[in-house]
Amino acid sequence: MSSFQKRYSRSSGNSKSKKSKKPYYRKQSNFAAFKPGISGVFVSCAKNKEDLCIRECYDLFDAYADLIYKPDDSIDVVDEDEANKKIGDDIESTIAKELAQMKRPHTSRRFASIQTGTDCVVFIKTNHPVVPVQLVHYILTDLNNTKQKKTRFCKRLVPITQTCYTNINDIKKLAEEVLHPHFYTQEEDQKQRIKYAIIPNIRNNNKVNRMELIQQIASAVGDYHIVNLDKPDLVIIVEIFKNICGMSVLSDYKTLKKYNVESIFEDQNKDQNKDQNKEQSKEKNSD
């Protein structure tokens, strides 16, 4: 069994999973809110499946985060001083490592669920060193390439680089911070015109005007780059949720089926149905 399968087997219901490595997440209290200055992932799911979706996200994100980020880059690494005291004895060293992990504050976990108060939507907050866009792109690319479905409740994953309040000045500042690395890091003589699309999603907010929001983001991008809704190189995601704005820049948006997990496997299911129909027709003809 691969290291990934061992890591992901926690969700299989095996009683031995209780002895597995302590997960890099913590359960968030009910009063914790979606607020400015955080990063994470919006995840959509079926109604009344939010808790199951959160657990699935923890397992999925944790397994892939272990593949992407080195142990020594993790915020949840073992305290070196305490572990080194027992380095001469394997058993004592293991105990020391476990104790060191237990002493670390809960806030050091890589993932935490944030209450949204909205049906069918959960938000998983990420902590350093996890980069939401990188993590989600890695997950969806792997699912798309392997065609191995590893989720039951997660429908769509929307990474959020950063959040702010939904006022004009804060959105302007956030747009500059989030967009600059993607649109303004090239040398002037090598600068390429990037095709982009802006996709806003407004939920639980009736004060933000959709068109004004799009114009605001477009002005932050500037006139040099080109709007292309059909074949964009990059897609700017703007999530308005209550009084908070979240933003990110995504690549391979069309290839990864708009970051929709279910859609990634639709073609595969269609092909399987076609093969089954062919087999059935052959059997009928042979009869």
Protein backbone atom coordinates (compact mmCIF):
# COMPACT_ATOMS: atom_id res chain seq x y z
CA MET A 1 0.00 0.00 0.00
CA SER A 2 1.36 3.42 -0.93
CA SER A 3 2.04 6.12 1.68
CA PHE A 4 -0.86 8.11 0.28
CA GLN A 5 -3.28 5.18 0.65
CA LYS A 6 -2.14 4.59 4.21
CA ARG A 7 -2.60 8.25 5.01
CA TYR A 8 -6.02 8.42 3.39
CA SER A 9 -7.28 5.20 4.97
CA ARG A 10 -8.39 7.08 8.08
CA SER A 11 -11.76 7.70 6.44
CA SER A 12 -12.35 4.01 5.70
CA GLY A 13 -13.67 3.28 9.18
CA ASN A 14 -10.82 0.93 10.15
CA SER A 15 -10.40 0.83 13.93
CA LYS A 16 -6.62 0.80 13.54
CA SER A 17 -6.81 4.30 12.13
CA LYS A 18 -7.03 5.63 15.69
CA LYS A 19 -3.34 4.82 16.06
CA SER A 20 -2.38 6.77 12.96
CA LYS A 21 -0.38 9.96 12.92
CA LYS A 22 -2.03 12.92 14.62
CA PRO A 23 -3.85 14.92 11.92
CA TYR A 24 -2.86 18.45 10.99
CA TYR A 25 -6.19 20.04 11.75
CA ARG A 26 -8.40 21.14 14.60
CA LYS A 27 -12.11 21.48 15.06
CA GLN A 28 -13.15 25.12 15.05
CA SER A 29 -15.56 26.41 17.68
CA ASN A 30 -19.07 27.40 16.63
CA PHE A 31 -18.50 31.12 17.10
CA ALA A 32 -15.48 31.26 14.79
CA ALA A 33 -16.37 33.32 11.75
CA PHE A 34 -15.30 33.87 8.19
CA LYS A 35 -13.32 37.09 8.48
CA PRO A 36 -10.67 39.30 6.81
CA GLY A 37 -7.04 38.24 6.68
CA ILE A 38 -7.47 34.51 6.28
CA SER A 39 -6.86 32.02 3.47
CA GLY A 40 -8.49 28.70 2.77
CA VAL A 41 -10.87 26.75 0.57
CA PHE A 42 -14.60 27.09 -0.04
CA VAL A 43 -16.10 23.63 -0.50
CA SER A 44 -19.62 22.98 -1.74
CA CYS A 45 -21.57 19.87 -0.80
CA ALA A 46 -25.08 18.46 -0.62
CA LYS A 47 -27.46 19.82 2.01
CA ASN A 48 -27.14 18.23 5.46
CA LYS A 49 -23.78 16.72 4.47
CA GLU A 50 -21.67 19.62 5.73
CA ASP A 51 -20.11 17.76 8.68
CA LEU A 52 -19.24 14.76 6.53
CA CYS A 53 -17.77 17.11 3.93
CA ILE A 54 -15.57 18.78 6.55
CA ARG A 55 -14.19 15.44 7.72
CA GLU A 56 -13.56 14.38 4.15
CA CYS A 57 -11.73 17.65 3.47
CA TYR A 58 -9.50 17.12 6.49
CA ASP A 59 -8.48 13.66 5.27
CA LEU A 60 -8.10 14.69 1.63
CA PHE A 61 -6.20 17.93 2.31
CA ASP A 62 -4.02 16.36 4.97
CA ALA A 63 -2.99 13.49 2.69
CA TYR A 64 -2.06 15.75 -0.22
CA ALA A 65 -0.40 18.34 2.02
CA ASP A 66 1.97 15.60 3.20
CA LEU A 67 2.93 14.99 -0.44
CA ILE A 68 3.50 18.68 -1.24
CA TYR A 69 5.12 20.08 1.89
CA LYS A 70 8.24 18.68 3.51
CA PRO A 71 7.96 17.70 7.17
CA ASP A 72 10.55 20.28 8.19
CA ASP A 73 8.51 22.98 6.42
CA SER A 74 5.36 22.11 8.35
CA ILE A 75 4.11 24.26 11.20
CA ASP A 76 3.42 21.10 13.13
CA VAL A 77 6.96 19.71 13.26
CA VAL A 78 8.37 18.11 16.37
CA ASP A 79 10.22 20.32 18.86
CA GLU A 80 13.86 19.57 18.02
CA ASP A 81 15.31 20.27 21.48
CA GLU A 82 12.92 17.90 23.18
CA ALA A 83 13.28 15.19 20.55
CA ASN A 84 17.09 15.37 20.49
CA LYS A 85 17.30 14.65 24.22
CA LYS A 86 16.13 11.11 23.46
CA ILE A 87 17.92 10.57 20.17
CA GLY A 88 20.01 7.72 21.55
CA ASP A 89 17.03 5.56 22.34
CA ASP A 90 14.48 4.86 19.59
CA ILE A 91 11.60 4.12 21.95
CA GLU A 92 12.21 7.11 24.21
CA SER A 93 12.78 9.29 21.16
CA THR A 94 9.40 8.31 19.74
CA ILE A 95 7.70 9.12 23.05
CA ALA A 96 9.51 12.46 23.20
CA LYS A 97 8.32 13.34 19.70
CA GLU A 98 4.73 12.51 20.56
CA LEU A 99 4.88 14.58 23.74
CA ALA A 100 6.43 17.48 21.83
CA GLN A 101 3.58 17.37 19.33
CA MET A 102 0.98 17.32 22.11
CA LYS A 103 2.54 20.41 23.72
CA ARG A 104 2.27 22.49 20.55
CA PRO A 105 -0.70 24.89 20.54
CA HIS A 106 -3.82 23.82 18.66
CA THR A 107 -3.57 26.93 16.49
CA SER A 108 -0.52 25.40 14.81
CA ARG A 109 -2.63 22.88 12.90
CA ARG A 110 -2.63 23.17 9.12
CA PHE A 111 -6.42 23.16 8.69
CA ALA A 112 -9.45 24.38 10.62
CA SER A 113 -13.12 24.51 9.69
CA ILE A 114 -14.79 27.91 9.81
CA GLN A 115 -18.53 28.12 10.43
CA THR A 116 -20.32 29.71 7.44
CA GLY A 117 -23.87 29.47 8.73
CA THR A 118 -24.95 28.60 5.19
CA ASP A 119 -26.27 25.32 3.83
CA CYS A 120 -24.13 23.40 1.35
CA VAL A 121 -21.03 25.55 1.90
CA VAL A 122 -18.09 24.91 4.20
CA PHE A 123 -14.82 26.80 4.53
CA ILE A 124 -11.54 25.15 5.49
CA LYS A 125 -9.03 27.68 6.76
CA THR A 126 -5.40 26.97 5.91
CA ASN A 127 -2.31 27.86 7.90
CA HIS A 128 1.34 28.18 6.86
CA PRO A 129 2.94 26.49 4.96
CA VAL A 130 -0.19 25.48 3.05
CA VAL A 131 -0.95 27.62 -0.03
CA PRO A 132 -4.64 27.07 -0.92
CA VAL A 133 -4.31 27.59 -4.68
CA GLN A 134 -1.30 25.29 -4.87
CA LEU A 135 -2.95 22.59 -2.77
CA VAL A 136 -6.26 22.56 -4.64
CA HIS A 137 -4.60 22.67 -8.07
CA TYR A 138 -2.40 19.72 -7.07
CA ILE A 139 -5.39 17.71 -5.83
CA LEU A 140 -7.58 18.34 -8.86
CA THR A 141 -4.74 17.73 -11.32
CA ASP A 142 -4.05 14.39 -9.67
CA LEU A 143 -7.74 13.42 -9.72
CA ASN A 144 -8.02 14.49 -13.34
CA ASN A 145 -4.92 12.52 -14.37
CA THR A 146 -5.53 9.34 -12.39
CA LYS A 147 -9.33 9.31 -12.64
CA GLN A 148 -9.40 7.85 -9.15
CA LYS A 149 -12.22 9.40 -7.21
CA LYS A 150 -11.29 10.01 -3.58
CA THR A 151 -14.30 12.04 -2.46
CA ARG A 152 -17.97 11.40 -1.76
CA PHE A 153 -19.20 14.69 -0.35
CA CYS A 154 -16.95 17.41 -1.79
CA LYS A 155 -18.41 18.84 -4.98
CA ARG A 156 -16.37 21.93 -5.80
CA LEU A 157 -13.14 23.31 -4.34
CA VAL A 158 -12.55 27.07 -4.57
CA PRO A 159 -9.22 28.17 -3.06
CA ILE A 160 -9.04 31.65 -1.54
CA THR A 161 -5.67 33.39 -1.34
CA GLN A 162 -6.78 36.18 0.98
CA THR A 163 -9.90 37.88 2.35
CA CYS A 164 -10.99 41.42 3.21
CA TYR A 165 -14.13 43.39 4.04
CA THR A 166 -16.49 44.20 1.16
CA ASN A 167 -15.75 47.92 0.91
CA ILE A 168 -14.19 49.53 -2.15
CA ASN A 169 -10.87 50.50 -0.59
CA ASP A 170 -10.25 47.09 0.95
CA ILE A 171 -11.18 45.26 -2.27
CA LYS A 172 -8.83 47.54 -4.25
CA LYS A 173 -5.97 46.80 -1.89
CA LEU A 174 -6.69 43.07 -1.90
CA ALA A 175 -6.86 43.00 -5.70
CA GLU A 176 -3.44 44.64 -5.98
CA GLU A 177 -1.91 42.13 -3.56
CA VAL A 178 -3.48 39.03 -5.10
CA LEU A 179 -3.21 39.99 -8.79
CA HIS A 180 0.25 41.55 -8.86
CA PRO A 181 2.28 38.28 -8.77
CA HIS A 182 0.35 36.95 -11.76
CA PHE A 183 0.06 40.02 -13.98
CA TYR A 184 2.94 42.35 -13.11
CA THR A 185 6.09 40.37 -12.36
CA GLN A 186 7.43 40.11 -15.92
CA GLU A 187 10.13 42.36 -17.34
CA GLU A 188 8.72 45.05 -19.63
CA ASP A 189 10.55 43.77 -22.72
CA GLN A 190 9.36 40.20 -22.07
CA LYS A 191 5.88 41.02 -20.89
CA GLN A 192 3.16 38.83 -22.39
CA ARG A 193 -0.48 39.71 -22.71
CA ILE A 194 -2.43 37.34 -20.51
CA LYS A 195 -5.94 36.25 -21.38
CA TYR A 196 -8.07 36.32 -18.27
CA ALA A 197 -11.63 36.06 -16.99
CA ILE A 198 -13.24 37.42 -13.85
CA ILE A 199 -15.75 35.16 -12.13
CA PRO A 200 -17.57 36.72 -9.18
CA ASN A 201 -19.85 34.79 -6.88
CA ILE A 202 -22.05 36.76 -4.48
CA ARG A 203 -23.76 34.98 -1.59
CA ASN A 204 -25.74 36.35 1.36
CA ASN A 205 -25.02 39.93 0.28
CA ASN A 206 -27.38 42.34 -1.50
CA LYS A 207 -25.20 45.44 -1.32
CA VAL A 208 -22.39 44.51 -3.72
CA ASN A 209 -23.20 45.15 -7.39
CA ARG A 210 -21.89 42.39 -9.65
CA MET A 211 -20.95 44.60 -12.62
CA GLU A 212 -19.32 47.24 -10.45
CA LEU A 213 -17.29 44.51 -8.77
CA ILE A 214 -16.13 43.14 -12.14
CA GLN A 215 -15.14 46.64 -13.30
CA GLN A 216 -13.23 47.20 -10.07
CA ILE A 217 -11.19 44.02 -10.56
CA ALA A 218 -10.65 44.69 -14.28
CA SER A 219 -9.25 48.13 -13.49
CA ALA A 220 -6.79 46.51 -11.10
CA VAL A 221 -5.61 44.19 -13.89
CA GLY A 222 -5.22 47.09 -16.33
CA ASP A 223 -5.71 47.49 -20.08
CA TYR A 224 -2.61 45.61 -21.19
CA HIS A 225 -4.04 42.15 -20.58
CA ILE A 226 -7.01 40.72 -22.50
CA VAL A 227 -10.41 39.59 -21.29
CA ASN A 228 -11.23 36.16 -22.73
CA LEU A 229 -14.13 34.27 -21.20
CA ASP A 230 -13.85 31.23 -23.48
CA LYS A 231 -10.16 30.34 -23.22
CA PRO A 232 -8.59 32.27 -20.35
CA ASP A 233 -5.02 31.65 -19.25
CA LEU A 234 -5.97 32.72 -15.75
CA VAL A 235 -9.27 33.08 -13.94
CA ILE A 236 -9.75 35.62 -11.18
CA ILE A 237 -12.14 34.25 -8.58
CA VAL A 238 -13.96 36.79 -6.42
CA GLU A 239 -16.11 35.30 -3.67
CA ILE A 240 -18.41 37.69 -1.83
CA PHE A 241 -19.77 35.97 1.27
CA LYS A 242 -21.84 38.13 3.60
CA ASN A 243 -19.58 41.12 4.37
CA ILE A 244 -16.32 39.42 3.35
CA CYS A 245 -14.55 39.31 -0.02
CA GLY A 246 -12.20 36.45 -0.90
CA MET A 247 -9.98 36.44 -3.97
CA SER A 248 -7.61 34.14 -5.87
CA VAL A 249 -6.11 33.57 -9.33
CA LEU A 250 -6.53 30.10 -10.81
CA SER A 251 -4.91 28.32 -13.74
CA ASP A 252 -6.23 25.37 -15.81
CA TYR A 253 -9.76 26.45 -14.95
CA LYS A 254 -11.35 24.84 -18.00
CA THR A 255 -9.12 21.77 -17.96
CA LEU A 256 -10.03 21.09 -14.33
CA LYS A 257 -13.75 21.53 -15.05
CA LYS A 258 -14.09 24.83 -13.18
CA TYR A 259 -12.54 23.14 -10.14
CA ASN A 260 -15.59 20.92 -9.84
CA VAL A 261 -14.70 17.46 -8.55
CA GLU A 262 -17.94 15.89 -9.79
CA SER A 263 -17.48 17.26 -13.30
CA ILE A 264 -13.99 15.79 -13.55
CA PHE A 265 -15.48 12.31 -13.36
CA GLU A 266 -18.53 12.91 -15.56
CA ASP A 267 -16.67 12.06 -18.78
CA GLN A 268 -15.28 8.93 -17.18
CA ASN A 269 -18.78 7.82 -16.14
CA LYS A 270 -20.08 8.48 -19.65
CA ASP A 271 -17.31 6.35 -21.16
CA GLN A 272 -18.03 3.55 -18.70
CA ASN A 273 -21.73 3.64 -19.58
CA LYS A 274 -20.89 3.49 -23.28
CA ASP A 275 -18.67 0.47 -22.72
CA GLN A 276 -21.40 -1.25 -20.73
CA ASN A 277 -23.96 -0.57 -23.45
CA LYS A 278 -21.60 -1.99 -26.07
CA GLU A 279 -21.07 -5.13 -24.03
CA GLN A 280 -24.80 -5.55 -23.53
CA SER A 281 -25.51 -5.10 -27.24
CA LYS A 282 -22.84 -7.69 -28.10
CA GLU A 283 -24.41 -10.17 -25.71
CA LYS A 284 -27.85 -9.61 -27.26
CA ASN A 285 -26.49 -10.07 -30.77
CA SER A 286 -24.70 -13.25 -29.80
CA ASP A 287 -27.96 -14.63 -28.43
